[in-house]
């Protein structure tokens, strides 16, 4: 019997391609470095010193992915911004506790490594880290033949932040009469894309046609998730914020109650903020009921902020000065037993 020597490359894993990717992404990671980073990309573990200015630091961690928005990224060949989505989903979550994002790690898995595509994705991750003020200090690239269809990959992200123990936001100080402010989303962010893809299959629109404000429908659908870290941290430093809610899957209906004490609810006015045309298009083309729209999508509000009535005007001024579009969208009220924890009055 004749035998031959096999190599890892012949089995489908190209170590040289992986090494080439590491070299390609080092400049991206370098731009995100903070003084607390003690080691660079390429080691077995990433080292980070807790900033000395924190007296009683509490670390806050979060992890997430991008979901089936990736399917559209593959279909449209849009790999440059999907990394921003990856960072945003974890960073915005830890921000809810008042945490300053410190560092981020990514996981990129594929069947066959395309160095060019992977480098574009990681460049977007690094851009998301820059927008968040955190360092990209490590990650993993896994080439696994047979695990993924050709041209596809999966992403996961991991963020760690820090907050003073006395400054942790947990919603415990929220009280009846407090105001709910809403910060504009950049679109659907990274939620509801299984439904979005089904609607696109049904409507069969021209994705390259101008849809809104000079942008194509593809541009609007693939707009990266807005990262709120810098403006929200500035707001927390200047005004007494009681609670934050990242409006992800479940929409305002399910995410606001997560930061409200028992016995309270949020009563929102659906006419108090402008709903982006994308959501009206999705509702119309998919025949999606309004209640379902609010349970699946952010419908134009990507982050909610709860403040006392007397602090609301100042908070809106600070957010506007930071470049955020924000509105007073509702108030906190006692919740009758058995009633919904979020009530949204129709816009019309």
C-alpha atoms as a PDB file:
ATOM      1  CA  UNK A   1       0.000   0.000   0.000  1.00  0.00           C
ATOM      2  CA  UNK A   2       1.378   3.366  -1.040  1.00  0.00           C
ATOM      3  CA  UNK A   3       1.271   6.093   1.591  1.00  0.00           C
ATOM      4  CA  UNK A   4       1.803   9.822   1.237  1.00  0.00           C
ATOM      5  CA  UNK A   5       2.485  12.562   3.715  1.00  0.00           C
ATOM      6  CA  UNK A   6      -0.389  14.982   4.313  1.00  0.00           C
ATOM      7  CA  UNK A   7      -0.106  18.606   5.358  1.00  0.00           C
ATOM      8  CA  UNK A   8      -2.422  20.866   7.332  1.00  0.00           C
ATOM      9  CA  UNK A   9      -2.821  23.010   4.190  1.00  0.00           C
ATOM     10  CA  UNK A  10      -4.051  19.966   2.247  1.00  0.00           C
ATOM     11  CA  UNK A  11      -6.548  19.347   5.064  1.00  0.00           C
ATOM     12  CA  UNK A  12      -7.897  22.839   4.489  1.00  0.00           C
ATOM     13  CA  UNK A  13      -6.085  24.978   7.072  1.00  0.00           C
ATOM     14  CA  UNK A  14      -3.564  27.545   5.835  1.00  0.00           C
ATOM     15  CA  UNK A  15      -1.269  28.561   8.696  1.00  0.00           C
ATOM     16  CA  UNK A  16       0.572  31.011   6.448  1.00  0.00           C
ATOM     17  CA  UNK A  17      -2.702  32.806   5.664  1.00  0.00           C
ATOM     18  CA  UNK A  18      -3.410  33.080   9.380  1.00  0.00           C
ATOM     19  CA  UNK A  19       0.031  34.555  10.003  1.00  0.00           C
ATOM     20  CA  UNK A  20      -0.495  37.001   7.143  1.00  0.00           C
ATOM     21  CA  UNK A  21      -3.796  38.122   8.677  1.00  0.00           C
ATOM     22  CA  UNK A  22      -2.133  38.784  12.046  1.00  0.00           C
ATOM     23  CA  UNK A  23       0.386  41.052  10.342  1.00  0.00           C
ATOM     24  CA  UNK A  24      -2.389  42.831   8.406  1.00  0.00           C
ATOM     25  CA  UNK A  25      -4.424  43.615  11.517  1.00  0.00           C
ATOM     26  CA  UNK A  26      -1.602  44.797  13.783  1.00  0.00           C
ATOM     27  CA  UNK A  27      -1.784  48.411  12.472  1.00  0.00           C
ATOM     28  CA  UNK A  28      -5.560  48.452  13.039  1.00  0.00           C
ATOM     29  CA  UNK A  29      -5.148  47.284  16.628  1.00  0.00           C
ATOM     30  CA  UNK A  30      -2.292  49.726  17.228  1.00  0.00           C
ATOM     31  CA  UNK A  31      -4.612  52.679  16.561  1.00  0.00           C
ATOM     32  CA  UNK A  32      -6.892  51.564  19.413  1.00  0.00           C
ATOM     33  CA  UNK A  33      -4.203  51.228  22.096  1.00  0.00           C
ATOM     34  CA  UNK A  34      -4.678  52.796  25.515  1.00  0.00           C
ATOM     35  CA  UNK A  35      -1.933  53.468  28.102  1.00  0.00           C
ATOM     36  CA  UNK A  36      -3.212  50.550  30.197  1.00  0.00           C
ATOM     37  CA  UNK A  37      -2.429  47.933  27.514  1.00  0.00           C
ATOM     38  CA  UNK A  38       0.602  45.892  28.606  1.00  0.00           C
ATOM     39  CA  UNK A  39       0.966  43.586  25.603  1.00  0.00           C
ATOM     40  CA  UNK A  40       0.330  43.561  21.875  1.00  0.00           C
ATOM     41  CA  UNK A  41      -1.535  41.358  19.406  1.00  0.00           C
ATOM     42  CA  UNK A  42      -0.038  37.884  18.998  1.00  0.00           C
ATOM     43  CA  UNK A  43       0.493  36.657  22.550  1.00  0.00           C
ATOM     44  CA  UNK A  44      -1.334  33.837  24.294  1.00  0.00           C
ATOM     45  CA  UNK A  45      -3.240  36.290  26.452  1.00  0.00           C
ATOM     46  CA  UNK A  46      -3.869  40.035  26.506  1.00  0.00           C
ATOM     47  CA  UNK A  47      -2.728  42.079  29.489  1.00  0.00           C
ATOM     48  CA  UNK A  48      -4.507  45.217  30.661  1.00  0.00           C
ATOM     49  CA  UNK A  49      -4.027  47.322  33.787  1.00  0.00           C
ATOM     50  CA  UNK A  50      -7.129  48.783  35.462  1.00  0.00           C
ATOM     51  CA  UNK A  51      -6.904  52.594  35.188  1.00  0.00           C
ATOM     52  CA  UNK A  52      -5.391  54.065  38.360  1.00  0.00           C
ATOM     53  CA  UNK A  53      -8.025  56.811  38.666  1.00  0.00           C
ATOM     54  CA  UNK A  54     -10.653  54.271  39.829  1.00  0.00           C
ATOM     55  CA  UNK A  55     -10.839  54.030  43.632  1.00  0.00           C
ATOM     56  CA  UNK A  56     -13.120  50.971  43.861  1.00  0.00           C
ATOM     57  CA  UNK A  57     -13.266  49.559  40.336  1.00  0.00           C
ATOM     58  CA  UNK A  58     -15.867  47.006  39.291  1.00  0.00           C
ATOM     59  CA  UNK A  59     -15.315  45.209  35.991  1.00  0.00           C
ATOM     60  CA  UNK A  60     -18.302  44.805  33.674  1.00  0.00           C
ATOM     61  CA  UNK A  61     -18.224  42.287  30.818  1.00  0.00           C
ATOM     62  CA  UNK A  62     -20.411  41.563  27.838  1.00  0.00           C
ATOM     63  CA  UNK A  63     -20.462  39.316  24.786  1.00  0.00           C
ATOM     64  CA  UNK A  64     -22.554  39.239  21.625  1.00  0.00           C
ATOM     65  CA  UNK A  65     -22.527  38.591  17.899  1.00  0.00           C
ATOM     66  CA  UNK A  66     -24.040  40.163  14.807  1.00  0.00           C
ATOM     67  CA  UNK A  67     -26.710  37.569  14.056  1.00  0.00           C
ATOM     68  CA  UNK A  68     -28.164  37.025  10.610  1.00  0.00           C
ATOM     69  CA  UNK A  69     -27.199  40.515   9.480  1.00  0.00           C
ATOM     70  CA  UNK A  70     -24.087  38.596   8.441  1.00  0.00           C
ATOM     71  CA  UNK A  71     -26.133  36.823   5.750  1.00  0.00           C
ATOM     72  CA  UNK A  72     -26.826  40.167   4.087  1.00  0.00           C
ATOM     73  CA  UNK A  73     -23.178  41.144   4.465  1.00  0.00           C
ATOM     74  CA  UNK A  74     -22.210  38.010   2.509  1.00  0.00           C
ATOM     75  CA  UNK A  75     -24.916  38.591  -0.104  1.00  0.00           C
ATOM     76  CA  UNK A  76     -23.967  42.233  -0.654  1.00  0.00           C
ATOM     77  CA  UNK A  77     -20.217  41.853  -0.208  1.00  0.00           C
ATOM     78  CA  UNK A  78     -20.275  44.407   2.614  1.00  0.00           C
ATOM     79  CA  UNK A  79     -17.558  43.428   5.065  1.00  0.00           C
ATOM     80  CA  UNK A  80     -16.176  46.828   6.091  1.00  0.00           C
ATOM     81  CA  UNK A  81     -18.742  47.927   8.689  1.00  0.00           C
ATOM     82  CA  UNK A  82     -19.962  44.639  10.142  1.00  0.00           C
ATOM     83  CA  UNK A  83     -17.120  44.825  12.685  1.00  0.00           C
ATOM     84  CA  UNK A  84     -18.569  48.081  14.013  1.00  0.00           C
ATOM     85  CA  UNK A  85     -21.822  46.197  14.663  1.00  0.00           C
ATOM     86  CA  UNK A  86     -19.884  43.544  16.564  1.00  0.00           C
ATOM     87  CA  UNK A  87     -18.249  46.058  18.898  1.00  0.00           C
ATOM     88  CA  UNK A  88     -21.411  48.094  19.352  1.00  0.00           C
ATOM     89  CA  UNK A  89     -23.557  45.213  20.535  1.00  0.00           C
ATOM     90  CA  UNK A  90     -21.263  44.384  23.455  1.00  0.00           C
ATOM     91  CA  UNK A  91     -20.025  47.886  24.273  1.00  0.00           C
ATOM     92  CA  UNK A  92     -23.520  49.397  24.387  1.00  0.00           C
ATOM     93  CA  UNK A  93     -24.578  46.604  26.753  1.00  0.00           C
ATOM     94  CA  UNK A  94     -21.839  47.204  29.313  1.00  0.00           C
ATOM     95  CA  UNK A  95     -22.410  50.955  28.972  1.00  0.00           C
ATOM     96  CA  UNK A  96     -25.889  50.433  30.449  1.00  0.00           C
ATOM     97  CA  UNK A  97     -24.222  49.835  33.836  1.00  0.00           C
ATOM     98  CA  UNK A  98     -22.292  53.100  33.565  1.00  0.00           C
ATOM     99  CA  UNK A  99     -19.093  51.300  32.571  1.00  0.00           C
ATOM    100  CA  UNK A 100     -16.273  52.857  30.575  1.00  0.00           C
ATOM    101  CA  UNK A 101     -15.260  50.350  27.852  1.00  0.00           C
ATOM    102  CA  UNK A 102     -11.644  49.271  28.377  1.00  0.00           C
ATOM    103  CA  UNK A 103     -10.853  46.533  25.901  1.00  0.00           C
ATOM    104  CA  UNK A 104     -12.363  44.249  23.292  1.00  0.00           C
ATOM    105  CA  UNK A 105     -11.586  40.803  21.873  1.00  0.00           C
ATOM    106  CA  UNK A 106     -13.020  39.236  18.742  1.00  0.00           C
ATOM    107  CA  UNK A 107     -13.578  35.718  17.398  1.00  0.00           C
ATOM    108  CA  UNK A 108     -13.612  35.218  13.606  1.00  0.00           C
ATOM    109  CA  UNK A 109     -14.474  31.719  12.357  1.00  0.00           C
ATOM    110  CA  UNK A 110     -14.611  30.516   8.762  1.00  0.00           C
ATOM    111  CA  UNK A 111     -14.275  27.430   6.602  1.00  0.00           C
ATOM    112  CA  UNK A 112     -11.478  28.822   4.443  1.00  0.00           C
ATOM    113  CA  UNK A 113      -9.646  31.998   5.432  1.00  0.00           C
ATOM    114  CA  UNK A 114      -9.810  34.844   2.922  1.00  0.00           C
ATOM    115  CA  UNK A 115      -7.178  37.233   4.277  1.00  0.00           C
ATOM    116  CA  UNK A 116      -8.559  40.231   2.380  1.00  0.00           C
ATOM    117  CA  UNK A 117     -12.126  39.781   3.661  1.00  0.00           C
ATOM    118  CA  UNK A 118     -10.993  39.022   7.216  1.00  0.00           C
ATOM    119  CA  UNK A 119      -8.757  42.099   7.240  1.00  0.00           C
ATOM    120  CA  UNK A 120     -11.710  44.269   6.155  1.00  0.00           C
ATOM    121  CA  UNK A 121     -13.820  42.839   8.964  1.00  0.00           C
ATOM    122  CA  UNK A 122     -11.130  43.386  11.597  1.00  0.00           C
ATOM    123  CA  UNK A 123     -10.520  46.920  10.336  1.00  0.00           C
ATOM    124  CA  UNK A 124     -14.211  47.573  11.101  1.00  0.00           C
ATOM    125  CA  UNK A 125     -13.801  46.048  14.556  1.00  0.00           C
ATOM    126  CA  UNK A 126     -10.872  48.375  15.187  1.00  0.00           C
ATOM    127  CA  UNK A 127     -12.947  51.337  14.000  1.00  0.00           C
ATOM    128  CA  UNK A 128     -15.691  50.345  16.440  1.00  0.00           C
ATOM    129  CA  UNK A 129     -13.119  50.225  19.222  1.00  0.00           C
ATOM    130  CA  UNK A 130     -11.907  53.714  18.311  1.00  0.00           C
ATOM    131  CA  UNK A 131     -15.491  55.003  18.441  1.00  0.00           C
ATOM    132  CA  UNK A 132     -15.895  53.344  21.851  1.00  0.00           C
ATOM    133  CA  UNK A 133     -12.565  54.485  23.301  1.00  0.00           C
ATOM    134  CA  UNK A 134     -11.531  50.905  24.042  1.00  0.00           C
ATOM    135  CA  UNK A 135      -8.506  48.885  22.952  1.00  0.00           C
ATOM    136  CA  UNK A 136      -8.583  45.917  20.602  1.00  0.00           C
ATOM    137  CA  UNK A 137      -6.110  43.755  22.476  1.00  0.00           C
ATOM    138  CA  UNK A 138      -6.703  40.240  21.215  1.00  0.00           C
ATOM    139  CA  UNK A 139      -8.852  37.750  19.392  1.00  0.00           C
ATOM    140  CA  UNK A 140      -9.003  34.416  17.642  1.00  0.00           C
ATOM    141  CA  UNK A 141      -9.146  33.470  13.976  1.00  0.00           C
ATOM    142  CA  UNK A 142     -10.418  29.924  13.492  1.00  0.00           C
ATOM    143  CA  UNK A 143     -10.185  28.260  10.070  1.00  0.00           C
ATOM    144  CA  UNK A 144     -12.385  25.142  10.199  1.00  0.00           C
ATOM    145  CA  UNK A 145     -12.869  23.326   6.880  1.00  0.00           C
ATOM    146  CA  UNK A 146     -16.372  21.969   6.419  1.00  0.00           C
ATOM    147  CA  UNK A 147     -17.919  24.011   9.226  1.00  0.00           C
ATOM    148  CA  UNK A 148     -19.090  26.972   7.112  1.00  0.00           C
ATOM    149  CA  UNK A 149     -20.252  27.364   3.496  1.00  0.00           C
ATOM    150  CA  UNK A 150     -17.741  28.959   1.106  1.00  0.00           C
ATOM    151  CA  UNK A 151     -17.561  32.735   1.505  1.00  0.00           C
ATOM    152  CA  UNK A 152     -19.207  32.772   4.937  1.00  0.00           C
ATOM    153  CA  UNK A 153     -17.871  33.393   8.430  1.00  0.00           C
ATOM    154  CA  UNK A 154     -19.154  33.956  11.950  1.00  0.00           C
ATOM    155  CA  UNK A 155     -18.273  36.603  14.496  1.00  0.00           C
ATOM    156  CA  UNK A 156     -18.386  36.933  18.272  1.00  0.00           C
ATOM    157  CA  UNK A 157     -17.185  39.799  20.419  1.00  0.00           C
ATOM    158  CA  UNK A 158     -16.220  40.248  24.052  1.00  0.00           C
ATOM    159  CA  UNK A 159     -15.996  43.605  25.846  1.00  0.00           C
ATOM    160  CA  UNK A 160     -14.781  44.512  29.327  1.00  0.00           C
ATOM    161  CA  UNK A 161     -15.355  47.859  31.007  1.00  0.00           C
ATOM    162  CA  UNK A 162     -14.993  49.410  34.428  1.00  0.00           C
ATOM    163  CA  UNK A 163     -17.175  51.518  36.688  1.00  0.00           C
ATOM    164  CA  UNK A 164     -16.771  52.893  40.201  1.00  0.00           C
ATOM    165  CA  UNK A 165     -18.756  50.707  42.567  1.00  0.00           C
ATOM    166  CA  UNK A 166     -20.726  53.695  43.834  1.00  0.00           C
ATOM    167  CA  UNK A 167     -21.481  54.729  40.244  1.00  0.00           C
ATOM    168  CA  UNK A 168     -23.016  51.456  39.042  1.00  0.00           C
ATOM    169  CA  UNK A 169     -26.303  52.064  37.244  1.00  0.00           C
ATOM    170  CA  UNK A 170     -28.826  49.385  38.172  1.00  0.00           C
ATOM    171  CA  UNK A 171     -32.139  51.262  37.915  1.00  0.00           C
ATOM    172  CA  UNK A 172     -32.779  51.118  41.654  1.00  0.00           C
ATOM    173  CA  UNK A 173     -33.144  54.916  41.912  1.00  0.00           C
ATOM    174  CA  UNK A 174     -35.819  55.167  39.201  1.00  0.00           C
ATOM    175  CA  UNK A 175     -39.064  56.620  40.569  1.00  0.00           C
ATOM    176  CA  UNK A 176     -42.515  57.613  39.341  1.00  0.00           C
ATOM    177  CA  UNK A 177     -42.389  60.930  37.487  1.00  0.00           C
ATOM    178  CA  UNK A 178     -38.937  60.368  36.017  1.00  0.00           C
ATOM    179  CA  UNK A 179     -38.476  61.100  32.320  1.00  0.00           C
ATOM    180  CA  UNK A 180     -37.468  58.685  29.581  1.00  0.00           C
ATOM    181  CA  UNK A 181     -35.206  60.136  26.900  1.00  0.00           C
ATOM    182  CA  UNK A 182     -34.555  58.332  23.643  1.00  0.00           C
ATOM    183  CA  UNK A 183     -31.390  58.548  21.545  1.00  0.00           C
ATOM    184  CA  UNK A 184     -31.703  58.035  17.802  1.00  0.00           C
ATOM    185  CA  UNK A 185     -30.639  54.736  16.303  1.00  0.00           C
ATOM    186  CA  UNK A 186     -28.769  54.534  13.015  1.00  0.00           C
ATOM    187  CA  UNK A 187     -31.255  51.991  11.670  1.00  0.00           C
ATOM    188  CA  UNK A 188     -32.137  48.431  12.601  1.00  0.00           C
ATOM    189  CA  UNK A 189     -28.720  48.058  14.284  1.00  0.00           C
ATOM    190  CA  UNK A 190     -28.138  44.276  14.554  1.00  0.00           C
ATOM    191  CA  UNK A 191     -31.552  42.973  15.529  1.00  0.00           C
ATOM    192  CA  UNK A 192     -34.537  41.588  13.651  1.00  0.00           C
ATOM    193  CA  UNK A 193     -32.575  40.572  10.562  1.00  0.00           C
ATOM    194  CA  UNK A 194     -34.249  37.192  10.192  1.00  0.00           C
ATOM    195  CA  UNK A 195     -37.497  39.108   9.703  1.00  0.00           C
ATOM    196  CA  UNK A 196     -35.817  41.769   7.542  1.00  0.00           C
ATOM    197  CA  UNK A 197     -34.402  39.088   5.258  1.00  0.00           C
ATOM    198  CA  UNK A 198     -37.821  37.430   4.954  1.00  0.00           C
ATOM    199  CA  UNK A 199     -39.380  40.806   4.037  1.00  0.00           C
ATOM    200  CA  UNK A 200     -36.676  41.430   1.432  1.00  0.00           C
ATOM    201  CA  UNK A 201     -37.356  37.993  -0.062  1.00  0.00           C
ATOM    202  CA  UNK A 202     -41.064  38.797  -0.256  1.00  0.00           C
ATOM    203  CA  UNK A 203     -40.762  42.372  -1.568  1.00  0.00           C
ATOM    204  CA  UNK A 204     -37.810  41.693  -3.921  1.00  0.00           C
ATOM    205  CA  UNK A 205     -36.773  45.388  -4.028  1.00  0.00           C
ATOM    206  CA  UNK A 206     -33.849  46.838  -5.968  1.00  0.00           C
ATOM    207  CA  UNK A 207     -31.339  47.167  -3.139  1.00  0.00           C
ATOM    208  CA  UNK A 208     -29.192  49.602  -5.119  1.00  0.00           C
ATOM    209  CA  UNK A 209     -32.005  52.088  -5.747  1.00  0.00           C
ATOM    210  CA  UNK A 210     -32.082  55.343  -3.778  1.00  0.00           C
ATOM    211  CA  UNK A 211     -34.236  54.845  -0.715  1.00  0.00           C
ATOM    212  CA  UNK A 212     -33.755  57.695   1.773  1.00  0.00           C
ATOM    213  CA  UNK A 213     -31.731  60.901   1.723  1.00  0.00           C
ATOM    214  CA  UNK A 214     -29.509  59.795  -1.135  1.00  0.00           C
ATOM    215  CA  UNK A 215     -28.735  56.398   0.408  1.00  0.00           C
ATOM    216  CA  UNK A 216     -29.673  53.112  -1.219  1.00  0.00           C
ATOM    217  CA  UNK A 217     -31.868  50.556   0.499  1.00  0.00           C
ATOM    218  CA  UNK A 218     -28.744  48.415   0.925  1.00  0.00           C
ATOM    219  CA  UNK A 219     -26.994  51.352   2.647  1.00  0.00           C
ATOM    220  CA  UNK A 220     -29.929  51.865   4.993  1.00  0.00           C
ATOM    221  CA  UNK A 221     -30.384  48.181   5.846  1.00  0.00           C
ATOM    222  CA  UNK A 222     -26.653  47.671   6.439  1.00  0.00           C
ATOM    223  CA  UNK A 223     -25.994  50.910   8.371  1.00  0.00           C
ATOM    224  CA  UNK A 224     -23.735  49.964  11.302  1.00  0.00           C
ATOM    225  CA  UNK A 225     -25.055  49.988  14.855  1.00  0.00           C
ATOM    226  CA  UNK A 226     -24.578  53.327  16.583  1.00  0.00           C
ATOM    227  CA  UNK A 227     -22.050  53.295  19.416  1.00  0.00           C
ATOM    228  CA  UNK A 228     -23.169  55.488  22.329  1.00  0.00           C
ATOM    229  CA  UNK A 229     -20.186  55.117  24.664  1.00  0.00           C
ATOM    230  CA  UNK A 230     -18.544  58.544  24.453  1.00  0.00           C
ATOM    231  CA  UNK A 231     -21.674  60.761  24.575  1.00  0.00           C
ATOM    232  CA  UNK A 232     -23.306  58.668  27.299  1.00  0.00           C
ATOM    233  CA  UNK A 233     -20.184  58.683  29.486  1.00  0.00           C
ATOM    234  CA  UNK A 234     -20.024  62.477  29.072  1.00  0.00           C
ATOM    235  CA  UNK A 235     -23.683  62.689  30.100  1.00  0.00           C
ATOM    236  CA  UNK A 236     -23.141  60.500  33.167  1.00  0.00           C
ATOM    237  CA  UNK A 237     -20.244  62.721  34.240  1.00  0.00           C
ATOM    238  CA  UNK A 238     -22.329  65.896  33.946  1.00  0.00           C
ATOM    239  CA  UNK A 239     -25.869  64.917  34.962  1.00  0.00           C
ATOM    240  CA  UNK A 240     -27.515  62.444  37.367  1.00  0.00           C
ATOM    241  CA  UNK A 241     -28.525  59.535  35.124  1.00  0.00           C
ATOM    242  CA  UNK A 242     -30.735  56.979  36.884  1.00  0.00           C
ATOM    243  CA  UNK A 243     -30.867  54.189  34.310  1.00  0.00           C
ATOM    244  CA  UNK A 244     -29.929  53.250  30.755  1.00  0.00           C
ATOM    245  CA  UNK A 245     -31.428  50.653  28.432  1.00  0.00           C
ATOM    246  CA  UNK A 246     -29.813  49.414  25.219  1.00  0.00           C
ATOM    247  CA  UNK A 247     -32.675  48.823  22.788  1.00  0.00           C
ATOM    248  CA  UNK A 248     -31.791  45.533  21.136  1.00  0.00           C
ATOM    249  CA  UNK A 249     -33.908  42.467  20.332  1.00  0.00           C
ATOM    250  CA  UNK A 250     -37.253  42.923  22.060  1.00  0.00           C
ATOM    251  CA  UNK A 251     -37.333  46.631  21.271  1.00  0.00           C
ATOM    252  CA  UNK A 252     -38.441  49.276  23.740  1.00  0.00           C
ATOM    253  CA  UNK A 253     -41.203  46.968  24.935  1.00  0.00           C
ATOM    254  CA  UNK A 254     -38.890  44.379  26.466  1.00  0.00           C
ATOM    255  CA  UNK A 255     -35.658  46.245  27.145  1.00  0.00           C
ATOM    256  CA  UNK A 256     -36.878  49.203  29.224  1.00  0.00           C
ATOM    257  CA  UNK A 257     -38.456  46.984  31.919  1.00  0.00           C
ATOM    258  CA  UNK A 258     -35.068  45.303  32.434  1.00  0.00           C
ATOM    259  CA  UNK A 259     -33.812  48.478  34.178  1.00  0.00           C
ATOM    260  CA  UNK A 260     -36.989  49.430  36.070  1.00  0.00           C
ATOM    261  CA  UNK A 261     -37.749  48.486  39.670  1.00  0.00           C
ATOM    262  CA  UNK A 262     -40.716  46.205  40.279  1.00  0.00           C
ATOM    263  CA  UNK A 263     -44.015  48.062  40.332  1.00  0.00           C
ATOM    264  CA  UNK A 264     -43.011  50.674  37.750  1.00  0.00           C
ATOM    265  CA  UNK A 265     -43.571  50.946  34.016  1.00  0.00           C
ATOM    266  CA  UNK A 266     -42.565  53.191  31.124  1.00  0.00           C
ATOM    267  CA  UNK A 267     -45.370  55.012  29.311  1.00  0.00           C
ATOM    268  CA  UNK A 268     -44.102  56.255  25.947  1.00  0.00           C
ATOM    269  CA  UNK A 269     -45.534  58.527  23.266  1.00  0.00           C
ATOM    270  CA  UNK A 270     -44.937  57.000  19.836  1.00  0.00           C
ATOM    271  CA  UNK A 271     -45.337  60.447  18.231  1.00  0.00           C
ATOM    272  CA  UNK A 272     -42.519  62.004  20.264  1.00  0.00           C
ATOM    273  CA  UNK A 273     -39.710  60.841  17.985  1.00  0.00           C
ATOM    274  CA  UNK A 274     -39.461  60.563  14.184  1.00  0.00           C
ATOM    275  CA  UNK A 275     -39.544  56.960  13.005  1.00  0.00           C
ATOM    276  CA  UNK A 276     -36.977  56.360  10.244  1.00  0.00           C
ATOM    277  CA  UNK A 277     -38.493  55.447   6.855  1.00  0.00           C
ATOM    278  CA  UNK A 278     -36.864  52.001   6.989  1.00  0.00           C
ATOM    279  CA  UNK A 279     -39.262  50.858   9.710  1.00  0.00           C
ATOM    280  CA  UNK A 280     -42.341  52.136   7.870  1.00  0.00           C
ATOM    281  CA  UNK A 281     -41.118  50.292   4.760  1.00  0.00           C
ATOM    282  CA  UNK A 282     -40.577  47.065   6.716  1.00  0.00           C
ATOM    283  CA  UNK A 283     -44.018  47.338   8.316  1.00  0.00           C
ATOM    284  CA  UNK A 284     -45.726  48.002   4.995  1.00  0.00           C
ATOM    285  CA  UNK A 285     -43.893  45.471   2.826  1.00  0.00           C
ATOM    286  CA  UNK A 286     -43.978  42.745   5.457  1.00  0.00           C
ATOM    287  CA  UNK A 287     -47.473  43.412   6.727  1.00  0.00           C
ATOM    288  CA  UNK A 288     -45.972  43.560  10.206  1.00  0.00           C
ATOM    289  CA  UNK A 289     -48.359  44.684  12.949  1.00  0.00           C
ATOM    290  CA  UNK A 290     -47.360  47.687  15.039  1.00  0.00           C
ATOM    291  CA  UNK A 291     -47.102  45.665  18.243  1.00  0.00           C
ATOM    292  CA  UNK A 292     -44.768  43.222  16.494  1.00  0.00           C
ATOM    293  CA  UNK A 293     -42.666  46.097  15.113  1.00  0.00           C
ATOM    294  CA  UNK A 294     -42.077  47.367  18.661  1.00  0.00           C
ATOM    295  CA  UNK A 295     -41.212  43.874  19.942  1.00  0.00           C
ATOM    296  CA  UNK A 296     -38.678  43.149  17.178  1.00  0.00           C
ATOM    297  CA  UNK A 297     -37.081  46.469  16.181  1.00  0.00           C
ATOM    298  CA  UNK A 298     -35.781  49.569  17.938  1.00  0.00           C
ATOM    299  CA  UNK A 299     -38.057  51.668  15.665  1.00  0.00           C
ATOM    300  CA  UNK A 300     -35.644  54.606  15.780  1.00  0.00           C
ATOM    301  CA  UNK A 301     -34.535  54.585  19.438  1.00  0.00           C
ATOM    302  CA  UNK A 302     -31.219  52.842  20.084  1.00  0.00           C
ATOM    303  CA  UNK A 303     -30.634  53.821  23.719  1.00  0.00           C
ATOM    304  CA  UNK A 304     -33.042  55.005  26.415  1.00  0.00           C
ATOM    305  CA  UNK A 305     -32.002  57.193  29.343  1.00  0.00           C
ATOM    306  CA  UNK A 306     -34.014  57.675  32.544  1.00  0.00           C
ATOM    307  CA  UNK A 307     -33.465  60.939  34.450  1.00  0.00           C
ATOM    308  CA  UNK A 308     -35.410  62.993  36.983  1.00  0.00           C
ATOM    309  CA  UNK A 309     -37.866  65.503  35.531  1.00  0.00           C
ATOM    310  CA  UNK A 310     -35.742  68.456  36.650  1.00  0.00           C
ATOM    311  CA  UNK A 311     -32.677  67.048  34.889  1.00  0.00           C
ATOM    312  CA  UNK A 312     -34.310  66.241  31.550  1.00  0.00           C
ATOM    313  CA  UNK A 313     -33.763  69.578  29.774  1.00  0.00           C
ATOM    314  CA  UNK A 314     -30.094  69.689  30.798  1.00  0.00           C
ATOM    315  CA  UNK A 315     -29.582  66.086  29.701  1.00  0.00           C
ATOM    316  CA  UNK A 316     -31.076  66.793  26.278  1.00  0.00           C
ATOM    317  CA  UNK A 317     -28.802  69.844  25.914  1.00  0.00           C
ATOM    318  CA  UNK A 318     -25.738  67.772  26.772  1.00  0.00           C
ATOM    319  CA  UNK A 319     -26.694  65.032  24.332  1.00  0.00           C
ATOM    320  CA  UNK A 320     -27.273  67.558  21.559  1.00  0.00           C
ATOM    321  CA  UNK A 321     -23.885  69.153  22.261  1.00  0.00           C
ATOM    322  CA  UNK A 322     -22.313  65.694  21.920  1.00  0.00           C
ATOM    323  CA  UNK A 323     -23.890  65.287  18.480  1.00  0.00           C
ATOM    324  CA  UNK A 324     -26.762  63.004  19.467  1.00  0.00           C
ATOM    325  CA  UNK A 325     -30.339  63.342  18.292  1.00  0.00           C
ATOM    326  CA  UNK A 326     -32.467  62.764  21.375  1.00  0.00           C
ATOM    327  CA  UNK A 327     -36.042  63.346  22.482  1.00  0.00           C
ATOM    328  CA  UNK A 328     -38.163  63.138  25.584  1.00  0.00           C
ATOM    329  CA  UNK A 329     -40.209  60.062  24.716  1.00  0.00           C
ATOM    330  CA  UNK A 330     -42.104  59.236  27.907  1.00  0.00           C
ATOM    331  CA  UNK A 331     -42.282  58.962  31.662  1.00  0.00           C
ATOM    332  CA  UNK A 332     -42.148  56.445  34.488  1.00  0.00           C
ATOM    333  CA  UNK A 333     -45.414  55.606  36.220  1.00  0.00           C
ATOM    334  CA  UNK A 334     -46.674  53.088  38.792  1.00  0.00           C
ATOM    335  CA  UNK A 335     -47.571  49.829  37.087  1.00  0.00           C
ATOM    336  CA  UNK A 336     -50.936  48.264  37.905  1.00  0.00           C
ATOM    337  CA  UNK A 337     -50.678  44.606  38.833  1.00  0.00           C
ATOM    338  CA  UNK A 338     -50.616  42.422  35.740  1.00  0.00           C
ATOM    339  CA  UNK A 339     -50.286  45.372  33.340  1.00  0.00           C
ATOM    340  CA  UNK A 340     -47.647  45.721  30.611  1.00  0.00           C
ATOM    341  CA  UNK A 341     -44.320  47.161  31.827  1.00  0.00           C
ATOM    342  CA  UNK A 342     -43.976  49.306  28.686  1.00  0.00           C
ATOM    343  CA  UNK A 343     -46.877  51.101  27.054  1.00  0.00           C
ATOM    344  CA  UNK A 344     -46.394  52.889  23.717  1.00  0.00           C
ATOM    345  CA  UNK A 345     -49.172  55.204  22.566  1.00  0.00           C
ATOM    346  CA  UNK A 346     -49.622  55.020  18.764  1.00  0.00           C
ATOM    347  CA  UNK A 347     -47.936  57.720  16.689  1.00  0.00           C
ATOM    348  CA  UNK A 348     -51.142  58.336  14.719  1.00  0.00           C
END
